[in-house]
Amino acid sequence: MIQSDEVEFRWTGNKLFLPGDANRTVGEVYNTYLTGDMAHFYSAVGSTTKKASGSKPQFSMAVELYIDKPKVSLFHV
């Protein structure tokens, strides 16, 4: 069984979330990391806000699932 400290979401490029942000809503995370001062650092290379064919824009947020394989191996030997 995988423990919670063995798996985490990270931004593209292995960038970490700020402490305490794991339980925030998607909207709060998007506003914190992809708008304002931190947007340049956390935005994925080449990512843009796309205009949908309707009236609402489509937003994207590129994250990766990080699995700490050495930790997983220690518990499952």
N, C-alpha and C. Protein backbone atom coordinates (compact mmCIF):
# COMPACT_ATOMS: atom_id res chain seq x y z
N MET A 1 0.84 -1.18 0.00
CA MET A 1 0.00 0.00 0.00
C MET A 1 0.89 1.25 0.00
N ILE A 2 0.57 2.21 -0.81
CA ILE A 2 1.34 3.45 -0.91
C ILE A 2 0.89 4.42 0.17
N GLN A 3 1.85 5.02 0.88
CA GLN A 3 1.57 5.99 1.92
C GLN A 3 1.43 7.38 1.31
N SER A 4 0.78 8.29 2.02
CA SER A 4 0.52 9.63 1.47
C SER A 4 1.79 10.44 1.24
N ASP A 5 2.87 10.18 1.98
CA ASP A 5 4.10 10.95 1.77
C ASP A 5 4.94 10.39 0.62
N GLU A 6 4.49 9.31 -0.02
CA GLU A 6 5.21 8.72 -1.13
C GLU A 6 4.73 9.23 -2.48
N VAL A 7 3.55 9.84 -2.50
CA VAL A 7 2.94 10.32 -3.75
C VAL A 7 2.47 11.75 -3.55
N GLU A 8 2.76 12.62 -4.53
CA GLU A 8 2.31 14.00 -4.44
C GLU A 8 2.21 14.61 -5.82
N PHE A 9 1.38 15.64 -5.93
CA PHE A 9 1.31 16.41 -7.17
C PHE A 9 2.41 17.45 -7.15
N ARG A 10 3.01 17.64 -8.31
CA ARG A 10 4.01 18.70 -8.50
C ARG A 10 3.70 19.39 -9.82
N TRP A 11 4.18 20.61 -9.93
CA TRP A 11 4.02 21.34 -11.17
C TRP A 11 4.97 20.78 -12.21
N THR A 12 4.68 21.00 -13.46
CA THR A 12 5.57 20.59 -14.54
C THR A 12 6.96 21.14 -14.26
N GLY A 13 7.97 20.34 -14.48
CA GLY A 13 9.33 20.75 -14.19
C GLY A 13 9.73 20.46 -12.76
N ASN A 14 8.96 19.62 -12.06
CA ASN A 14 9.24 19.20 -10.69
C ASN A 14 9.20 20.35 -9.68
N LYS A 15 8.40 21.36 -9.97
CA LYS A 15 8.25 22.48 -9.04
C LYS A 15 7.23 22.11 -7.98
N LEU A 16 7.55 22.42 -6.74
CA LEU A 16 6.70 22.04 -5.60
C LEU A 16 5.61 23.07 -5.33
N PHE A 17 4.52 22.59 -4.75
CA PHE A 17 3.48 23.47 -4.24
C PHE A 17 3.99 24.10 -2.94
N LEU A 18 3.46 25.23 -2.58
CA LEU A 18 3.81 25.86 -1.31
C LEU A 18 3.19 25.05 -0.17
N PRO A 19 3.85 25.04 1.00
CA PRO A 19 3.30 24.29 2.15
C PRO A 19 1.87 24.75 2.48
N GLY A 20 1.00 23.78 2.75
CA GLY A 20 -0.36 24.10 3.13
C GLY A 20 -1.34 24.22 1.97
N ASP A 21 -0.86 24.09 0.74
CA ASP A 21 -1.74 24.25 -0.42
C ASP A 21 -2.37 22.95 -0.90
N ALA A 22 -2.08 21.85 -0.27
CA ALA A 22 -2.59 20.55 -0.71
C ALA A 22 -4.11 20.45 -0.61
N ASN A 23 -4.73 21.18 0.30
CA ASN A 23 -6.17 21.07 0.50
C ASN A 23 -6.96 22.25 -0.06
N ARG A 24 -6.35 23.05 -0.88
CA ARG A 24 -7.06 24.18 -1.48
C ARG A 24 -7.86 23.72 -2.68
N THR A 25 -8.85 24.50 -3.07
CA THR A 25 -9.66 24.16 -4.24
C THR A 25 -8.86 24.41 -5.52
N VAL A 26 -9.31 23.82 -6.61
CA VAL A 26 -8.64 24.01 -7.90
C VAL A 26 -8.62 25.49 -8.27
N GLY A 27 -9.73 26.18 -8.04
CA GLY A 27 -9.80 27.61 -8.34
C GLY A 27 -8.80 28.42 -7.53
N GLU A 28 -8.68 28.12 -6.25
CA GLU A 28 -7.72 28.84 -5.40
C GLU A 28 -6.29 28.57 -5.85
N VAL A 29 -5.99 27.33 -6.19
CA VAL A 29 -4.64 26.98 -6.66
C VAL A 29 -4.34 27.69 -7.98
N TYR A 30 -5.31 27.66 -8.89
CA TYR A 30 -5.12 28.33 -10.17
C TYR A 30 -4.85 29.83 -9.97
N ASN A 31 -5.65 30.47 -9.15
CA ASN A 31 -5.46 31.90 -8.91
C ASN A 31 -4.13 32.20 -8.23
N THR A 32 -3.70 31.36 -7.31
CA THR A 32 -2.46 31.59 -6.59
C THR A 32 -1.24 31.40 -7.48
N TYR A 33 -1.21 30.33 -8.25
CA TYR A 33 -0.01 29.97 -8.99
C TYR A 33 0.04 30.44 -10.43
N LEU A 34 -1.10 30.62 -11.07
CA LEU A 34 -1.09 30.90 -12.50
C LEU A 34 -1.57 32.30 -12.87
N THR A 35 -1.82 33.13 -11.88
CA THR A 35 -2.11 34.54 -12.12
C THR A 35 -1.24 35.34 -11.16
N GLY A 36 -0.98 36.55 -11.46
CA GLY A 36 -0.22 37.39 -10.55
C GLY A 36 1.28 37.12 -10.57
N ASP A 37 1.90 37.35 -9.42
CA ASP A 37 3.36 37.34 -9.32
C ASP A 37 4.02 35.99 -9.62
N MET A 38 3.38 34.88 -9.27
CA MET A 38 4.00 33.56 -9.43
C MET A 38 3.73 32.92 -10.79
N ALA A 39 2.94 33.52 -11.61
CA ALA A 39 2.53 32.91 -12.87
C ALA A 39 3.72 32.61 -13.79
N HIS A 40 4.68 33.48 -13.86
CA HIS A 40 5.82 33.28 -14.75
C HIS A 40 6.62 32.04 -14.35
N PHE A 41 6.78 31.80 -13.06
CA PHE A 41 7.56 30.66 -12.57
C PHE A 41 6.80 29.35 -12.71
N TYR A 42 5.52 29.33 -12.37
CA TYR A 42 4.76 28.08 -12.32
C TYR A 42 4.05 27.70 -13.61
N SER A 43 3.87 28.61 -14.53
CA SER A 43 3.20 28.27 -15.79
C SER A 43 4.06 27.31 -16.60
N ALA A 44 3.40 26.34 -17.22
CA ALA A 44 4.11 25.40 -18.09
C ALA A 44 4.61 26.15 -19.31
N VAL A 45 5.75 25.73 -19.82
CA VAL A 45 6.31 26.35 -21.01
C VAL A 45 5.33 26.19 -22.16
N GLY A 46 4.98 27.30 -22.79
CA GLY A 46 4.09 27.27 -23.94
C GLY A 46 2.61 27.19 -23.57
N SER A 47 2.29 27.22 -22.27
CA SER A 47 0.87 27.15 -21.92
C SER A 47 0.22 28.51 -22.07
N THR A 48 -0.99 28.48 -22.55
CA THR A 48 -1.75 29.71 -22.73
C THR A 48 -3.20 29.45 -22.38
N THR A 49 -3.93 30.51 -22.16
CA THR A 49 -5.37 30.37 -21.98
C THR A 49 -6.00 30.37 -23.36
N LYS A 50 -6.75 29.33 -23.66
CA LYS A 50 -7.34 29.19 -24.98
C LYS A 50 -8.77 29.71 -24.98
N LYS A 51 -9.16 30.31 -26.05
CA LYS A 51 -10.53 30.79 -26.20
C LYS A 51 -11.37 29.67 -26.81
N ALA A 52 -12.39 29.25 -26.10
CA ALA A 52 -13.28 28.20 -26.59
C ALA A 52 -14.17 28.75 -27.68
N SER A 53 -14.83 27.86 -28.39
CA SER A 53 -15.72 28.31 -29.45
C SER A 53 -16.94 29.03 -28.87
N GLY A 54 -17.30 28.71 -27.62
CA GLY A 54 -18.39 29.41 -26.94
C GLY A 54 -17.88 30.69 -26.31
N SER A 55 -18.58 31.16 -25.32
CA SER A 55 -18.20 32.42 -24.70
C SER A 55 -17.25 32.25 -23.51
N LYS A 56 -17.08 31.02 -22.99
CA LYS A 56 -16.23 30.81 -21.82
C LYS A 56 -14.83 30.37 -22.24
N PRO A 57 -13.77 30.96 -21.68
CA PRO A 57 -12.41 30.52 -22.00
C PRO A 57 -12.11 29.19 -21.32
N GLN A 58 -11.19 28.43 -21.90
CA GLN A 58 -10.72 27.18 -21.30
C GLN A 58 -9.41 27.46 -20.59
N PHE A 59 -9.30 27.02 -19.36
CA PHE A 59 -8.08 27.22 -18.59
C PHE A 59 -7.36 25.89 -18.43
N SER A 60 -6.06 25.90 -18.39
CA SER A 60 -5.31 24.67 -18.20
C SER A 60 -4.30 24.84 -17.07
N MET A 61 -4.01 23.73 -16.41
CA MET A 61 -3.08 23.73 -15.31
C MET A 61 -2.30 22.41 -15.40
N ALA A 62 -1.03 22.47 -15.75
CA ALA A 62 -0.23 21.26 -15.96
C ALA A 62 0.44 20.84 -14.66
N VAL A 63 0.02 19.69 -14.12
CA VAL A 63 0.65 19.13 -12.93
C VAL A 63 1.06 17.69 -13.24
N GLU A 64 2.00 17.18 -12.43
CA GLU A 64 2.48 15.82 -12.59
C GLU A 64 2.31 15.07 -11.28
N LEU A 65 2.12 13.76 -11.36
CA LEU A 65 2.05 12.92 -10.18
C LEU A 65 3.45 12.39 -9.92
N TYR A 66 4.02 12.76 -8.78
CA TYR A 66 5.37 12.35 -8.39
C TYR A 66 5.27 11.17 -7.44
N ILE A 67 5.97 10.08 -7.75
CA ILE A 67 6.01 8.91 -6.88
C ILE A 67 7.45 8.74 -6.42
N ASP A 68 7.67 8.79 -5.11
CA ASP A 68 8.99 8.63 -4.52
C ASP A 68 9.32 7.13 -4.50
N LYS A 69 9.91 6.62 -5.59
CA LYS A 69 10.15 5.19 -5.72
C LYS A 69 11.04 4.61 -4.64
N PRO A 70 12.12 5.30 -4.20
CA PRO A 70 12.91 4.72 -3.11
C PRO A 70 12.09 4.51 -1.83
N LYS A 71 11.20 5.44 -1.49
CA LYS A 71 10.35 5.28 -0.31
C LYS A 71 9.38 4.13 -0.50
N VAL A 72 8.80 4.03 -1.68
CA VAL A 72 7.86 2.94 -1.95
C VAL A 72 8.59 1.60 -1.82
N SER A 73 9.80 1.50 -2.35
CA SER A 73 10.58 0.26 -2.31
C SER A 73 10.92 -0.14 -0.88
N LEU A 74 11.21 0.83 -0.01
CA LEU A 74 11.55 0.53 1.37
C LEU A 74 10.40 -0.15 2.11
N PHE A 75 9.19 0.27 1.83
CA PHE A 75 8.03 -0.28 2.54
C PHE A 75 7.54 -1.59 1.95
N HIS A 76 7.96 -1.91 0.74
CA HIS A 76 7.41 -3.09 0.06
C HIS A 76 8.45 -4.16 -0.20
N VAL A 77 9.54 -4.18 0.55
CA VAL A 77 10.59 -5.19 0.36
C VAL A 77 10.26 -6.41 1.16
